[in-house]
Amino acid sequence: MEDERLRIFARAFLLPGGASPEESKRRLADANPGSVVQAAKARMAQNERFVELLAAQTLRAESTGSLLANRQEMDLLLRLAGTTQISSAIRDAGASQGERFVLVVAGRRRARLPSGLGGKELQRRELTDSELEKVERAALLNAKRA
């Protein structure tokens, strides 16, 4: 039997450019207290499984005291961007008003989605070679930082 405390649940949605990244994050966070919620440029993730693996790295880092940043949300953005530099992650991966973006929610419980959030669920599929390389690079960020 799988230990539910070890299970990571992650959902990712592609939202249109007309949606507000900050408002969407706030609504999703309000509906899912204790979960990590982040918005990133649409090109940063096209596969929900990829997002789930990066979210698992972030949640594991939190439990071991080895986050790349002070907050889980920033740690996830750093991993999506593949860098330890916060300014670079915000510039390269952070969602911008007026552009399509991916909205991520991750935690140890299944996410509750607020009504009217909209967006399209990201496809969940096997990792591409490029995605696998990004997951490996994200895992090595802790070593690079040390």
N, C-alpha and C. Protein backbone atom coordinates (compact mmCIF):
# COMPACT_ATOMS: atom_id res chain seq x y z
N MET A 1 0.84 -1.19 0.00
CA MET A 1 0.00 0.00 0.00
C MET A 1 0.89 1.25 0.00
N GLU A 2 0.56 2.19 -0.85
CA GLU A 2 1.36 3.42 -0.97
C GLU A 2 1.09 4.36 0.20
N ASP A 3 2.14 4.92 0.75
CA ASP A 3 2.03 5.87 1.84
C ASP A 3 1.55 7.21 1.28
N GLU A 4 0.37 7.65 1.66
CA GLU A 4 -0.22 8.89 1.13
C GLU A 4 0.64 10.12 1.46
N ARG A 5 1.44 10.06 2.55
CA ARG A 5 2.27 11.21 2.90
C ARG A 5 3.38 11.43 1.89
N LEU A 6 3.72 10.39 1.13
CA LEU A 6 4.78 10.48 0.14
C LEU A 6 4.24 10.83 -1.24
N ARG A 7 2.96 10.74 -1.41
CA ARG A 7 2.34 10.97 -2.71
C ARG A 7 2.30 12.47 -3.03
N ILE A 8 2.65 12.81 -4.27
CA ILE A 8 2.59 14.19 -4.73
C ILE A 8 1.48 14.28 -5.76
N PHE A 9 0.64 15.26 -5.61
CA PHE A 9 -0.41 15.52 -6.58
C PHE A 9 -0.09 16.85 -7.26
N ALA A 10 -0.07 16.85 -8.55
CA ALA A 10 0.19 18.09 -9.28
C ALA A 10 -0.77 18.18 -10.46
N ARG A 11 -1.26 19.37 -10.68
CA ARG A 11 -2.12 19.65 -11.83
C ARG A 11 -1.53 20.88 -12.51
N ALA A 12 -1.68 20.93 -13.81
CA ALA A 12 -1.16 22.06 -14.57
C ALA A 12 -2.16 22.41 -15.66
N PHE A 13 -2.38 23.71 -15.84
CA PHE A 13 -3.37 24.21 -16.77
C PHE A 13 -2.77 25.31 -17.64
N LEU A 14 -3.11 25.30 -18.90
CA LEU A 14 -2.71 26.36 -19.81
C LEU A 14 -3.82 27.39 -19.82
N LEU A 15 -3.48 28.63 -19.47
CA LEU A 15 -4.47 29.70 -19.44
C LEU A 15 -4.17 30.71 -20.53
N PRO A 16 -5.22 31.35 -21.05
CA PRO A 16 -5.04 32.30 -22.15
C PRO A 16 -4.40 33.60 -21.68
N GLY A 17 -3.90 34.35 -22.64
CA GLY A 17 -3.23 35.61 -22.35
C GLY A 17 -4.10 36.65 -21.68
N GLY A 18 -5.40 36.53 -21.79
CA GLY A 18 -6.30 37.51 -21.15
C GLY A 18 -6.44 37.30 -19.66
N ALA A 19 -6.06 36.12 -19.17
CA ALA A 19 -6.18 35.83 -17.75
C ALA A 19 -5.02 36.48 -16.98
N SER A 20 -5.28 36.85 -15.75
CA SER A 20 -4.25 37.45 -14.91
C SER A 20 -3.49 36.37 -14.17
N PRO A 21 -2.17 36.27 -14.36
CA PRO A 21 -1.40 35.26 -13.62
C PRO A 21 -1.53 35.42 -12.10
N GLU A 22 -1.44 36.63 -11.62
CA GLU A 22 -1.50 36.85 -10.16
C GLU A 22 -2.87 36.52 -9.59
N GLU A 23 -3.93 36.95 -10.26
CA GLU A 23 -5.29 36.66 -9.79
C GLU A 23 -5.57 35.16 -9.86
N SER A 24 -5.12 34.52 -10.93
CA SER A 24 -5.32 33.07 -11.07
C SER A 24 -4.58 32.31 -9.98
N LYS A 25 -3.35 32.72 -9.68
CA LYS A 25 -2.58 32.09 -8.60
C LYS A 25 -3.30 32.28 -7.26
N ARG A 26 -3.77 33.48 -7.01
CA ARG A 26 -4.45 33.76 -5.74
C ARG A 26 -5.69 32.89 -5.57
N ARG A 27 -6.50 32.80 -6.62
CA ARG A 27 -7.73 32.00 -6.55
C ARG A 27 -7.43 30.52 -6.33
N LEU A 28 -6.41 30.02 -7.03
CA LEU A 28 -6.05 28.61 -6.89
C LEU A 28 -5.46 28.33 -5.51
N ALA A 29 -4.64 29.24 -5.00
CA ALA A 29 -4.06 29.09 -3.66
C ALA A 29 -5.14 29.15 -2.59
N ASP A 30 -6.11 30.04 -2.73
CA ASP A 30 -7.20 30.13 -1.77
C ASP A 30 -8.00 28.84 -1.72
N ALA A 31 -8.17 28.19 -2.86
CA ALA A 31 -8.92 26.93 -2.93
C ALA A 31 -8.12 25.74 -2.44
N ASN A 32 -6.79 25.91 -2.33
CA ASN A 32 -5.91 24.80 -1.97
C ASN A 32 -4.87 25.22 -0.93
N PRO A 33 -5.30 25.54 0.29
CA PRO A 33 -4.36 25.97 1.31
C PRO A 33 -3.27 24.92 1.53
N GLY A 34 -2.05 25.39 1.70
CA GLY A 34 -0.93 24.49 1.94
C GLY A 34 -0.30 23.91 0.68
N SER A 35 -0.87 24.21 -0.48
CA SER A 35 -0.31 23.73 -1.74
C SER A 35 0.62 24.77 -2.34
N VAL A 36 1.51 24.32 -3.20
CA VAL A 36 2.40 25.20 -3.95
C VAL A 36 1.64 25.61 -5.22
N VAL A 37 1.57 26.90 -5.45
CA VAL A 37 0.89 27.42 -6.64
C VAL A 37 1.85 28.37 -7.34
N GLN A 38 2.03 28.15 -8.65
CA GLN A 38 2.95 29.00 -9.41
C GLN A 38 2.43 29.15 -10.83
N ALA A 39 2.75 30.29 -11.44
CA ALA A 39 2.43 30.55 -12.84
C ALA A 39 3.74 30.74 -13.58
N ALA A 40 3.82 30.15 -14.77
CA ALA A 40 5.04 30.23 -15.57
C ALA A 40 4.67 30.44 -17.03
N LYS A 41 5.62 30.92 -17.79
CA LYS A 41 5.41 31.08 -19.23
C LYS A 41 4.95 29.75 -19.82
N ALA A 42 4.07 29.81 -20.80
CA ALA A 42 3.48 28.61 -21.40
C ALA A 42 4.55 27.67 -21.95
N ARG A 43 5.62 28.21 -22.46
CA ARG A 43 6.65 27.36 -23.08
C ARG A 43 7.46 26.56 -22.06
N MET A 44 7.33 26.86 -20.79
CA MET A 44 8.12 26.18 -19.76
C MET A 44 7.64 24.75 -19.49
N ALA A 45 6.40 24.45 -19.81
CA ALA A 45 5.88 23.10 -19.54
C ALA A 45 4.70 22.80 -20.45
N GLN A 46 4.73 21.64 -21.07
CA GLN A 46 3.61 21.19 -21.89
C GLN A 46 3.12 19.82 -21.44
N ASN A 47 3.67 19.29 -20.35
CA ASN A 47 3.39 17.94 -19.91
C ASN A 47 3.17 17.95 -18.39
N GLU A 48 2.00 17.50 -17.97
CA GLU A 48 1.69 17.51 -16.54
C GLU A 48 2.62 16.59 -15.75
N ARG A 49 3.05 15.50 -16.34
CA ARG A 49 3.97 14.58 -15.65
C ARG A 49 5.31 15.28 -15.37
N PHE A 50 5.80 16.06 -16.31
CA PHE A 50 7.03 16.83 -16.14
C PHE A 50 6.88 17.78 -14.95
N VAL A 51 5.77 18.50 -14.91
CA VAL A 51 5.50 19.44 -13.82
C VAL A 51 5.43 18.70 -12.48
N GLU A 52 4.81 17.54 -12.47
CA GLU A 52 4.69 16.76 -11.24
C GLU A 52 6.06 16.35 -10.69
N LEU A 53 6.97 15.97 -11.57
CA LEU A 53 8.31 15.58 -11.12
C LEU A 53 9.08 16.77 -10.53
N LEU A 54 8.95 17.94 -11.16
CA LEU A 54 9.62 19.12 -10.60
C LEU A 54 8.98 19.52 -9.28
N ALA A 55 7.65 19.42 -9.20
CA ALA A 55 6.96 19.74 -7.95
C ALA A 55 7.39 18.78 -6.84
N ALA A 56 7.58 17.51 -7.18
CA ALA A 56 8.05 16.53 -6.20
C ALA A 56 9.44 16.91 -5.67
N GLN A 57 10.30 17.40 -6.56
CA GLN A 57 11.62 17.86 -6.13
C GLN A 57 11.48 19.01 -5.14
N THR A 58 10.60 19.95 -5.44
CA THR A 58 10.38 21.10 -4.56
C THR A 58 9.85 20.65 -3.21
N LEU A 59 8.85 19.79 -3.19
CA LEU A 59 8.26 19.35 -1.93
C LEU A 59 9.26 18.53 -1.11
N ARG A 60 10.06 17.74 -1.78
CA ARG A 60 11.11 16.98 -1.09
C ARG A 60 12.16 17.94 -0.50
N ALA A 61 12.55 18.94 -1.27
CA ALA A 61 13.52 19.92 -0.79
C ALA A 61 12.98 20.64 0.44
N GLU A 62 11.70 20.95 0.45
CA GLU A 62 11.09 21.60 1.62
C GLU A 62 11.20 20.70 2.85
N SER A 63 10.91 19.42 2.66
CA SER A 63 10.93 18.50 3.81
C SER A 63 12.34 18.22 4.33
N THR A 64 13.36 18.45 3.51
CA THR A 64 14.74 18.23 3.96
C THR A 64 15.48 19.54 4.27
N GLY A 65 14.78 20.66 4.14
CA GLY A 65 15.41 21.95 4.42
C GLY A 65 16.40 22.40 3.36
N SER A 66 16.18 21.97 2.13
CA SER A 66 17.13 22.32 1.07
C SER A 66 16.48 23.01 -0.13
N LEU A 67 15.51 23.87 0.15
CA LEU A 67 14.91 24.65 -0.94
C LEU A 67 15.96 25.53 -1.60
N LEU A 68 15.78 25.80 -2.86
CA LEU A 68 16.68 26.70 -3.59
C LEU A 68 16.40 28.16 -3.27
N ALA A 69 15.24 28.43 -2.70
CA ALA A 69 14.83 29.80 -2.34
C ALA A 69 14.10 29.73 -1.00
N ASN A 70 13.67 30.86 -0.49
CA ASN A 70 12.98 30.89 0.79
C ASN A 70 11.57 30.33 0.73
N ARG A 71 10.96 30.36 -0.46
CA ARG A 71 9.58 29.90 -0.61
C ARG A 71 9.49 28.78 -1.65
N GLN A 72 8.58 27.84 -1.41
CA GLN A 72 8.39 26.72 -2.32
C GLN A 72 8.02 27.20 -3.73
N GLU A 73 7.19 28.23 -3.82
CA GLU A 73 6.76 28.72 -5.13
C GLU A 73 7.95 29.19 -5.96
N MET A 74 8.90 29.87 -5.32
CA MET A 74 10.08 30.33 -6.04
C MET A 74 10.99 29.15 -6.38
N ASP A 75 11.10 28.19 -5.47
CA ASP A 75 11.89 26.99 -5.75
C ASP A 75 11.36 26.31 -7.03
N LEU A 76 10.05 26.17 -7.14
CA LEU A 76 9.47 25.54 -8.33
C LEU A 76 9.78 26.34 -9.59
N LEU A 77 9.70 27.65 -9.51
CA LEU A 77 10.02 28.49 -10.67
C LEU A 77 11.50 28.34 -11.05
N LEU A 78 12.37 28.29 -10.05
CA LEU A 78 13.80 28.08 -10.32
C LEU A 78 14.03 26.75 -11.04
N ARG A 79 13.35 25.72 -10.60
CA ARG A 79 13.50 24.41 -11.23
C ARG A 79 12.94 24.41 -12.65
N LEU A 80 11.82 25.08 -12.86
CA LEU A 80 11.27 25.19 -14.22
C LEU A 80 12.24 25.92 -15.14
N ALA A 81 12.89 26.95 -14.61
CA ALA A 81 13.83 27.75 -15.41
C ALA A 81 15.20 27.08 -15.53
N GLY A 82 15.49 26.13 -14.64
CA GLY A 82 16.79 25.46 -14.67
C GLY A 82 17.94 26.33 -14.21
N THR A 83 17.69 27.15 -13.20
CA THR A 83 18.71 28.07 -12.70
C THR A 83 18.58 28.23 -11.19
N THR A 84 19.63 28.72 -10.55
CA THR A 84 19.57 29.08 -9.14
C THR A 84 19.44 30.58 -8.94
N GLN A 85 19.40 31.32 -10.04
CA GLN A 85 19.32 32.79 -9.99
C GLN A 85 17.86 33.24 -10.07
N ILE A 86 17.36 33.83 -9.01
CA ILE A 86 15.96 34.24 -8.94
C ILE A 86 15.61 35.23 -10.05
N SER A 87 16.45 36.22 -10.28
CA SER A 87 16.15 37.22 -11.31
C SER A 87 16.06 36.58 -12.69
N SER A 88 16.93 35.63 -12.98
CA SER A 88 16.88 34.92 -14.26
C SER A 88 15.62 34.09 -14.38
N ALA A 89 15.24 33.42 -13.29
CA ALA A 89 14.04 32.58 -13.31
C ALA A 89 12.80 33.42 -13.56
N ILE A 90 12.71 34.56 -12.90
CA ILE A 90 11.55 35.44 -13.09
C ILE A 90 11.52 35.95 -14.53
N ARG A 91 12.65 36.38 -15.04
CA ARG A 91 12.72 36.90 -16.41
C ARG A 91 12.42 35.82 -17.45
N ASP A 92 13.02 34.65 -17.28
CA ASP A 92 12.93 33.60 -18.29
C ASP A 92 11.69 32.71 -18.17
N ALA A 93 11.19 32.51 -16.95
CA ALA A 93 10.11 31.55 -16.75
C ALA A 93 8.84 32.15 -16.16
N GLY A 94 8.95 33.31 -15.54
CA GLY A 94 7.79 33.90 -14.87
C GLY A 94 6.70 34.32 -15.84
N ALA A 95 5.45 34.09 -15.45
CA ALA A 95 4.30 34.46 -16.28
C ALA A 95 4.18 35.98 -16.34
N SER A 96 3.79 36.46 -17.50
CA SER A 96 3.60 37.90 -17.71
C SER A 96 2.16 38.18 -18.12
N GLN A 97 1.65 39.30 -17.66
CA GLN A 97 0.30 39.73 -18.02
C GLN A 97 0.20 39.83 -19.55
N GLY A 98 -0.88 39.34 -20.11
CA GLY A 98 -1.11 39.44 -21.55
C GLY A 98 -0.59 38.28 -22.36
N GLU A 99 0.15 37.35 -21.71
CA GLU A 99 0.69 36.18 -22.41
C GLU A 99 0.06 34.91 -21.83
N ARG A 100 -0.03 33.89 -22.69
CA ARG A 100 -0.49 32.59 -22.19
C ARG A 100 0.47 32.10 -21.12
N PHE A 101 -0.05 31.37 -20.15
CA PHE A 101 0.80 30.87 -19.08
C PHE A 101 0.28 29.53 -18.56
N VAL A 102 1.18 28.82 -17.89
CA VAL A 102 0.84 27.57 -17.24
C VAL A 102 0.65 27.86 -15.76
N LEU A 103 -0.45 27.38 -15.23
CA LEU A 103 -0.75 27.53 -13.81
C LEU A 103 -0.60 26.16 -13.16
N VAL A 104 0.24 26.07 -12.14
CA VAL A 104 0.57 24.81 -11.49
C VAL A 104 0.09 24.83 -10.04
N VAL A 105 -0.48 23.74 -9.59
CA VAL A 105 -0.80 23.54 -8.18
C VAL A 105 -0.28 22.17 -7.79
N ALA A 106 0.46 22.11 -6.68
CA ALA A 106 1.05 20.85 -6.25
C ALA A 106 1.02 20.75 -4.74
N GLY A 107 0.83 19.54 -4.27
CA GLY A 107 0.82 19.32 -2.83
C GLY A 107 0.63 17.85 -2.52
N ARG A 108 0.35 17.58 -1.29
CA ARG A 108 0.18 16.19 -0.84
C ARG A 108 -1.28 15.75 -0.89
N ARG A 109 -2.16 16.65 -1.32
CA ARG A 109 -3.59 16.32 -1.49
C ARG A 109 -4.02 16.70 -2.90
N ARG A 110 -5.06 16.07 -3.35
CA ARG A 110 -5.61 16.40 -4.67
C ARG A 110 -6.10 17.85 -4.67
N ALA A 111 -5.82 18.54 -5.76
CA ALA A 111 -6.19 19.95 -5.86
C ALA A 111 -7.69 20.11 -6.08
N ARG A 112 -8.21 21.15 -5.48
CA ARG A 112 -9.59 21.57 -5.69
C ARG A 112 -9.53 22.77 -6.60
N LEU A 113 -10.23 22.72 -7.72
CA LEU A 113 -10.19 23.82 -8.68
C LEU A 113 -11.38 24.74 -8.48
N PRO A 114 -11.14 26.03 -8.32
CA PRO A 114 -12.26 26.96 -8.16
C PRO A 114 -13.04 27.07 -9.46
N SER A 115 -14.34 27.26 -9.34
CA SER A 115 -15.17 27.39 -10.54
C SER A 115 -14.78 28.64 -11.31
N GLY A 116 -14.85 28.53 -12.60
CA GLY A 116 -14.57 29.67 -13.46
C GLY A 116 -13.09 29.95 -13.69
N LEU A 117 -12.22 29.08 -13.20
CA LEU A 117 -10.78 29.32 -13.41
C LEU A 117 -10.45 29.20 -14.89
N GLY A 118 -11.09 28.27 -15.56
CA GLY A 118 -10.87 28.10 -17.00
C GLY A 118 -9.54 27.46 -17.29
N GLY A 119 -9.10 27.58 -18.50
CA GLY A 119 -7.85 26.97 -18.90
C GLY A 119 -8.05 25.55 -19.39
N LYS A 120 -7.01 25.04 -19.96
CA LYS A 120 -7.01 23.69 -20.52
C LYS A 120 -5.99 22.87 -19.77
N GLU A 121 -6.39 21.68 -19.30
CA GLU A 121 -5.44 20.81 -18.60
C GLU A 121 -4.29 20.44 -19.51
N LEU A 122 -3.08 20.47 -18.97
CA LEU A 122 -1.94 20.00 -19.74
C LEU A 122 -2.07 18.50 -19.92
N GLN A 123 -1.62 18.04 -21.06
CA GLN A 123 -1.59 16.61 -21.35
C GLN A 123 -0.63 15.92 -20.39
N ARG A 124 -0.96 14.71 -20.00
CA ARG A 124 -0.10 13.92 -19.12
C ARG A 124 0.43 12.75 -19.95
N ARG A 125 1.74 12.73 -20.18
CA ARG A 125 2.32 11.71 -21.05
C ARG A 125 3.72 11.38 -20.58
N GLU A 126 4.34 10.40 -21.24
CA GLU A 126 5.72 10.05 -20.94
C GLU A 126 6.62 11.25 -21.22
N LEU A 127 7.74 11.32 -20.51
CA LEU A 127 8.66 12.43 -20.70
C LEU A 127 9.42 12.30 -22.02
N THR A 128 9.62 13.42 -22.67
CA THR A 128 10.50 13.45 -23.83
C THR A 128 11.94 13.46 -23.32
N ASP A 129 12.89 13.24 -24.21
CA ASP A 129 14.30 13.30 -23.80
C ASP A 129 14.65 14.67 -23.25
N SER A 130 14.11 15.72 -23.86
CA SER A 130 14.37 17.08 -23.41
C SER A 130 13.80 17.31 -22.00
N GLU A 131 12.58 16.83 -21.76
CA GLU A 131 11.98 16.99 -20.43
C GLU A 131 12.76 16.20 -19.39
N LEU A 132 13.18 15.00 -19.73
CA LEU A 132 13.96 14.19 -18.80
C LEU A 132 15.27 14.90 -18.45
N GLU A 133 15.90 15.50 -19.44
CA GLU A 133 17.13 16.26 -19.19
C GLU A 133 16.87 17.44 -18.26
N LYS A 134 15.74 18.13 -18.44
CA LYS A 134 15.40 19.26 -17.57
C LYS A 134 15.11 18.80 -16.14
N VAL A 135 14.47 17.65 -15.97
CA VAL A 135 14.21 17.11 -14.63
C VAL A 135 15.54 16.78 -13.95
N GLU A 136 16.45 16.17 -14.69
CA GLU A 136 17.77 15.85 -14.13
C GLU A 136 18.54 17.12 -13.77
N ARG A 137 18.49 18.12 -14.65
CA ARG A 137 19.18 19.38 -14.38
C ARG A 137 18.60 20.06 -13.14
N ALA A 138 17.27 20.01 -13.01
CA ALA A 138 16.62 20.62 -11.84
C ALA A 138 17.04 19.91 -10.56
N ALA A 139 17.21 18.60 -10.61
CA ALA A 139 17.64 17.85 -9.44
C ALA A 139 19.06 18.22 -9.03
N LEU A 140 19.87 18.58 -9.99
CA LEU A 140 21.26 18.93 -9.71
C LEU A 140 21.44 20.37 -9.23
N LEU A 141 20.39 21.17 -9.28
CA LEU A 141 20.51 22.57 -8.86
C LEU A 141 20.94 22.68 -7.40
N ASN A 142 20.50 21.75 -6.56
CA ASN A 142 20.91 21.81 -5.15
C ASN A 142 22.41 21.63 -5.01
N ALA A 143 22.99 20.74 -5.79
CA ALA A 143 24.44 20.52 -5.74
C ALA A 143 25.19 21.74 -6.25
N LYS A 144 24.65 22.36 -7.29
CA LYS A 144 25.30 23.55 -7.86
C LYS A 144 25.32 24.69 -6.86
N ARG A 145 24.25 24.78 -6.08
CA ARG A 145 24.12 25.87 -5.11
C ARG A 145 25.07 25.70 -3.93
N ALA A 146 25.38 24.47 -3.58
CA ALA A 146 26.21 24.18 -2.40
C ALA A 146 27.64 24.66 -2.57
